[in-house]
Amino acid sequence: MPSDSSPESDPFFEELWFPAPAALEHPSQLFHTPVYGRGAMTLQALREKVGDATFLEILRSWYSDNKYGNVSTGDFIDLAEQKSGPRPRCLLPNLALRGGPPRELVSHTMTG
């Protein structure tokens, strides 16, 4: 009998995609998989979208401008958009904030 190889059949799938980081209910959840796993995937997706040089410029600016302050995800999206154009505006909230995987990721996983 063939095994189900869809992403949804992987036990890690539910842990990674639900709840969305924006929907966490308690501060104790701040260091759970959705925050770190999706955060890393979001940054990698941004890097692939804007290219290495622009990505590194975004990170350097982010650090130098904010190293002793408080900022939000929206502030990071605004900076990424300033450095690379409007491309991150639709990508980043989909990966970082919403519940469930973006359609593009699921279709990429399914097709290889």
Protein backbone atom coordinates (compact mmCIF):
# COMPACT_ATOMS: atom_id res chain seq x y z
CA MET A 1 0.00 0.00 0.00
CA PRO A 2 1.56 3.36 -1.03
CA SER A 3 2.08 5.91 1.71
CA ASP A 4 0.53 9.34 1.60
CA SER A 5 3.37 11.71 0.69
CA SER A 6 1.36 14.94 0.72
CA PRO A 7 2.67 17.67 3.03
CA GLU A 8 -0.51 17.52 5.09
CA SER A 9 0.25 13.90 6.06
CA ASP A 10 3.54 14.92 7.70
CA PRO A 11 3.05 15.32 11.49
CA PHE A 12 5.33 18.38 11.41
CA PHE A 13 2.97 20.11 8.95
CA GLU A 14 0.34 20.96 11.57
CA GLU A 15 2.96 22.09 14.10
CA LEU A 16 4.64 24.37 11.55
CA TRP A 17 1.59 26.04 10.04
CA PHE A 18 -0.87 26.31 12.93
CA PRO A 19 -1.35 28.62 14.70
CA ALA A 20 -0.03 31.52 12.69
CA PRO A 21 2.47 33.60 14.69
CA ALA A 22 0.00 36.49 14.70
CA ALA A 23 -2.58 34.25 16.39
CA LEU A 24 -0.48 33.01 19.30
CA GLU A 25 -2.51 33.08 22.47
CA HIS A 26 0.17 33.32 25.17
CA PRO A 27 3.73 34.68 25.51
CA SER A 28 4.94 31.16 26.34
CA GLN A 29 4.28 30.25 22.68
CA LEU A 30 6.69 32.90 21.42
CA PHE A 31 9.54 30.41 20.93
CA HIS A 32 7.52 27.58 19.39
CA THR A 33 7.90 26.15 15.90
CA PRO A 34 5.51 28.47 14.03
CA VAL A 35 7.55 31.50 15.07
CA TYR A 36 11.05 30.18 14.35
CA GLY A 37 10.33 27.74 11.52
CA ARG A 38 8.12 30.12 9.60
CA GLY A 39 10.39 33.05 10.37
CA ALA A 40 13.34 31.25 8.79
CA MET A 41 11.25 30.19 5.79
CA THR A 42 9.99 33.74 5.37
CA LEU A 43 13.50 35.18 5.31
CA GLN A 44 14.67 32.54 2.83
CA ALA A 45 11.67 33.22 0.58
CA LEU A 46 12.46 36.94 0.72
CA ARG A 47 16.10 36.23 -0.17
CA GLU A 48 15.07 34.15 -3.17
CA LYS A 49 12.60 36.83 -4.28
CA VAL A 50 14.90 39.88 -4.03
CA GLY A 51 18.35 38.31 -4.52
CA ASP A 52 21.33 38.03 -2.21
CA ALA A 53 22.66 41.60 -2.56
CA THR A 54 19.31 43.26 -1.81
CA PHE A 55 18.53 40.79 0.97
CA LEU A 56 21.82 41.52 2.71
CA GLU A 57 21.23 45.26 2.29
CA ILE A 58 17.83 44.85 3.98
CA LEU A 59 19.34 42.94 6.90
CA ARG A 60 22.21 45.38 7.38
CA SER A 61 19.85 48.35 7.32
CA TRP A 62 17.43 46.62 9.68
CA TYR A 63 20.17 45.97 12.20
CA SER A 64 21.85 49.38 12.00
CA ASP A 65 18.57 51.31 12.14
CA ASN A 66 16.94 49.29 14.92
CA LYS A 67 19.62 47.63 17.07
CA TYR A 68 18.48 49.32 20.30
CA GLY A 69 14.82 49.87 19.54
CA ASN A 70 11.47 48.15 19.22
CA VAL A 71 10.01 47.42 15.81
CA SER A 72 7.24 45.39 14.24
CA THR A 73 6.79 42.97 11.38
CA GLY A 74 5.13 45.80 9.47
CA ASP A 75 8.27 47.91 9.93
CA PHE A 76 10.37 45.09 8.43
CA ILE A 77 7.99 44.73 5.48
CA ASP A 78 8.16 48.49 4.88
CA LEU A 79 11.97 48.40 4.86
CA ALA A 80 12.06 45.39 2.54
CA GLU A 81 9.69 47.21 0.20
CA GLN A 82 11.84 50.38 0.29
CA LYS A 83 14.94 48.40 -0.65
CA SER A 84 13.43 46.11 -3.26
CA GLY A 85 10.14 47.50 -4.48
CA PRO A 86 6.62 46.20 -3.78
CA ARG A 87 7.42 42.49 -4.19
CA PRO A 88 7.68 41.65 -0.45
CA ARG A 89 4.32 43.25 0.37
CA CYS A 90 2.35 40.16 -0.71
CA LEU A 91 4.97 37.53 0.14
CA LEU A 92 5.85 38.35 3.74
CA PRO A 93 2.42 38.50 5.38
CA ASN A 94 1.46 35.22 3.68
CA LEU A 95 4.39 33.36 5.20
CA ALA A 96 4.77 35.17 8.49
CA LEU A 97 1.28 35.94 9.71
CA ARG A 98 -1.48 33.83 8.20
CA GLY A 99 -2.58 30.36 9.23
CA GLY A 100 -1.70 27.54 6.87
CA PRO A 101 0.88 27.43 4.13
CA PRO A 102 0.73 29.73 1.11
CA ARG A 103 -0.63 28.00 -2.02
CA GLU A 104 2.67 28.62 -3.81
CA LEU A 105 4.58 26.64 -1.20
CA VAL A 106 2.18 23.70 -1.24
CA SER A 107 2.17 23.52 -5.04
CA HIS A 108 6.00 23.78 -5.07
CA THR A 109 6.22 20.97 -2.49
CA MET A 110 3.83 18.80 -4.45
CA THR A 111 5.62 19.28 -7.78
CA GLY A 112 9.17 19.10 -6.51
